[in-house]
Amino acid sequence: MLQGHPQGWLIPEQAIGDLLSLARLNCGRCMPG
């Protein structure tokens, strides 16, 4: 299953930052600031 995607379970800090940024943009309505 994980062949070709060894980093599938490893979430780098950069990816987490991107997810947080997207969360702020998508949930900017319910999350002020």
PDB file of N, CA and C in Angstrom:
ATOM      1  N   MET A   1       0.825  -1.206   0.000  1.00  0.00           N
ATOM      2  CA  MET A   1       0.000   0.000   0.000  1.00  0.00           C
ATOM      3  C   MET A   1       0.869   1.270   0.000  1.00  0.00           C
ATOM      4  N   LEU A   2       1.914   1.226   0.829  1.00  0.00           N
ATOM      5  CA  LEU A   2       2.725   2.429   1.000  1.00  0.00           C
ATOM      6  C   LEU A   2       3.848   2.514  -0.017  1.00  0.00           C
ATOM      7  N   GLN A   3       3.852   1.595  -0.987  1.00  0.00           N
ATOM      8  CA  GLN A   3       4.916   1.630  -1.993  1.00  0.00           C
ATOM      9  C   GLN A   3       4.762   2.881  -2.852  1.00  0.00           C
ATOM     10  N   GLY A   4       5.855   3.639  -2.994  1.00  0.00           N
ATOM     11  CA  GLY A   4       5.826   4.851  -3.802  1.00  0.00           C
ATOM     12  C   GLY A   4       5.375   6.049  -2.978  1.00  0.00           C
ATOM     13  N   HIS A   5       4.920   5.790  -1.751  1.00  0.00           N
ATOM     14  CA  HIS A   5       4.482   6.895  -0.891  1.00  0.00           C
ATOM     15  C   HIS A   5       5.019   6.705   0.526  1.00  0.00           C
ATOM     16  N   PRO A   6       6.341   6.691   0.666  1.00  0.00           N
ATOM     17  CA  PRO A   6       6.962   6.477   1.978  1.00  0.00           C
ATOM     18  C   PRO A   6       6.717   7.637   2.931  1.00  0.00           C
ATOM     19  N   GLN A   7       6.444   8.807   2.361  1.00  0.00           N
ATOM     20  CA  GLN A   7       6.237   9.994   3.198  1.00  0.00           C
ATOM     21  C   GLN A   7       4.753  10.211   3.492  1.00  0.00           C
ATOM     22  N   GLY A   8       3.940   9.222   3.168  1.00  0.00           N
ATOM     23  CA  GLY A   8       2.501   9.373   3.367  1.00  0.00           C
ATOM     24  C   GLY A   8       2.151   9.533   4.848  1.00  0.00           C
ATOM     25  N   TRP A   9       2.908   8.824   5.697  1.00  0.00           N
ATOM     26  CA  TRP A   9       2.592   8.881   7.128  1.00  0.00           C
ATOM     27  C   TRP A   9       3.438   9.925   7.835  1.00  0.00           C
ATOM     28  N   LEU A  10       4.486  10.394   7.128  1.00  0.00           N
ATOM     29  CA  LEU A  10       5.364  11.392   7.742  1.00  0.00           C
ATOM     30  C   LEU A  10       4.922  12.786   7.328  1.00  0.00           C
ATOM     31  N   ILE A  11       4.420  13.561   8.283  1.00  0.00           N
ATOM     32  CA  ILE A  11       3.936  14.906   7.971  1.00  0.00           C
ATOM     33  C   ILE A  11       4.981  15.944   8.385  1.00  0.00           C
ATOM     34  N   PRO A  12       5.674  16.523   7.412  1.00  0.00           N
ATOM     35  CA  PRO A  12       6.685  17.541   7.696  1.00  0.00           C
ATOM     36  C   PRO A  12       6.057  18.805   8.262  1.00  0.00           C
ATOM     37  N   GLU A  13       6.859  19.580   8.982  1.00  0.00           N
ATOM     38  CA  GLU A  13       6.355  20.802   9.605  1.00  0.00           C
ATOM     39  C   GLU A  13       5.808  21.749   8.542  1.00  0.00           C
ATOM     40  N   GLN A  14       6.445  21.747   7.372  1.00  0.00           N
ATOM     41  CA  GLN A  14       5.999  22.634   6.292  1.00  0.00           C
ATOM     42  C   GLN A  14       4.578  22.276   5.855  1.00  0.00           C
ATOM     43  N   ALA A  15       4.300  20.967   5.779  1.00  0.00           N
ATOM     44  CA  ALA A  15       2.968  20.525   5.374  1.00  0.00           C
ATOM     45  C   ALA A  15       1.944  20.952   6.423  1.00  0.00           C
ATOM     46  N   ILE A  16       2.321  20.820   7.692  1.00  0.00           N
ATOM     47  CA  ILE A  16       1.413  21.214   8.775  1.00  0.00           C
ATOM     48  C   ILE A  16       1.113  22.703   8.680  1.00  0.00           C
ATOM     49  N   GLY A  17       2.140  23.495   8.389  1.00  0.00           N
ATOM     50  CA  GLY A  17       1.953  24.942   8.252  1.00  0.00           C
ATOM     51  C   GLY A  17       0.995  25.245   7.122  1.00  0.00           C
ATOM     52  N   ASP A  18       1.115  24.514   6.016  1.00  0.00           N
ATOM     53  CA  ASP A  18       0.226  24.722   4.874  1.00  0.00           C
ATOM     54  C   ASP A  18      -1.207  24.380   5.262  1.00  0.00           C
ATOM     55  N   LEU A  19      -1.375  23.291   6.003  1.00  0.00           N
ATOM     56  CA  LEU A  19      -2.714  22.877   6.423  1.00  0.00           C
ATOM     57  C   LEU A  19      -3.331  23.939   7.325  1.00  0.00           C
ATOM     58  N   LEU A  20      -2.522  24.502   8.222  1.00  0.00           N
ATOM     59  CA  LEU A  20      -3.025  25.543   9.122  1.00  0.00           C
ATOM     60  C   LEU A  20      -3.427  26.774   8.319  1.00  0.00           C
ATOM     61  N   SER A  21      -2.618  27.102   7.310  1.00  0.00           N
ATOM     62  CA  SER A  21      -2.929  28.268   6.472  1.00  0.00           C
ATOM     63  C   SER A  21      -4.241  28.044   5.725  1.00  0.00           C
ATOM     64  N   LEU A  22      -4.412  26.847   5.178  1.00  0.00           N
ATOM     65  CA  LEU A  22      -5.641  26.531   4.451  1.00  0.00           C
ATOM     66  C   LEU A  22      -6.829  26.555   5.398  1.00  0.00           C
ATOM     67  N   ALA A  23      -6.619  26.072   6.614  1.00  0.00           N
ATOM     68  CA  ALA A  23      -7.700  26.048   7.602  1.00  0.00           C
ATOM     69  C   ALA A  23      -8.151  27.475   7.905  1.00  0.00           C
ATOM     70  N   ARG A  24      -7.194  28.383   8.016  1.00  0.00           N
ATOM     71  CA  ARG A  24      -7.533  29.777   8.315  1.00  0.00           C
ATOM     72  C   ARG A  24      -8.305  30.388   7.162  1.00  0.00           C
ATOM     73  N   LEU A  25      -7.902  30.048   5.936  1.00  0.00           N
ATOM     74  CA  LEU A  25      -8.584  30.612   4.766  1.00  0.00           C
ATOM     75  C   LEU A  25      -9.985  30.031   4.628  1.00  0.00           C
ATOM     76  N   ASN A  26     -10.077  28.708   4.815  1.00  0.00           N
ATOM     77  CA  ASN A  26     -11.376  28.035   4.645  1.00  0.00           C
ATOM     78  C   ASN A  26     -12.315  28.346   5.803  1.00  0.00           C
ATOM     79  N   CYS A  27     -11.755  28.418   7.013  1.00  0.00           N
ATOM     80  CA  CYS A  27     -12.600  28.637   8.179  1.00  0.00           C
ATOM     81  C   CYS A  27     -12.415  30.055   8.711  1.00  0.00           C
ATOM     82  N   GLY A  28     -12.121  30.977   7.814  1.00  0.00           N
ATOM     83  CA  GLY A  28     -11.908  32.362   8.214  1.00  0.00           C
ATOM     84  C   GLY A  28     -13.177  32.978   8.780  1.00  0.00           C
ATOM     85  N   ARG A  29     -14.319  32.390   8.440  1.00  0.00           N
ATOM     86  CA  ARG A  29     -15.594  32.936   8.917  1.00  0.00           C
ATOM     87  C   ARG A  29     -15.803  32.635  10.394  1.00  0.00           C
ATOM     88  N   CYS A  30     -15.530  31.383  10.784  1.00  0.00           N
ATOM     89  CA  CYS A  30     -15.808  30.987  12.166  1.00  0.00           C
ATOM     90  C   CYS A  30     -14.602  31.238  13.060  1.00  0.00           C
ATOM     91  N   MET A  31     -13.450  31.509  12.445  1.00  0.00           N
ATOM     92  CA  MET A  31     -12.245  31.769  13.241  1.00  0.00           C
ATOM     93  C   MET A  31     -11.746  33.188  13.004  1.00  0.00           C
ATOM     94  N   PRO A  32     -12.204  34.161  13.772  1.00  0.00           N
ATOM     95  CA  PRO A  32     -11.793  35.549  13.615  1.00  0.00           C
ATOM     96  C   PRO A  32     -10.302  35.728  13.877  1.00  0.00           C
ATOM     97  N   GLY A  33      -9.691  36.671  13.211  1.00  0.00           N
ATOM     98  CA  GLY A  33      -8.274  36.893  13.374  1.00  0.00           C
ATOM     99  C   GLY A  33      -7.517  36.091  12.342  1.00  0.00           C
TER     100      GLY A  33
END
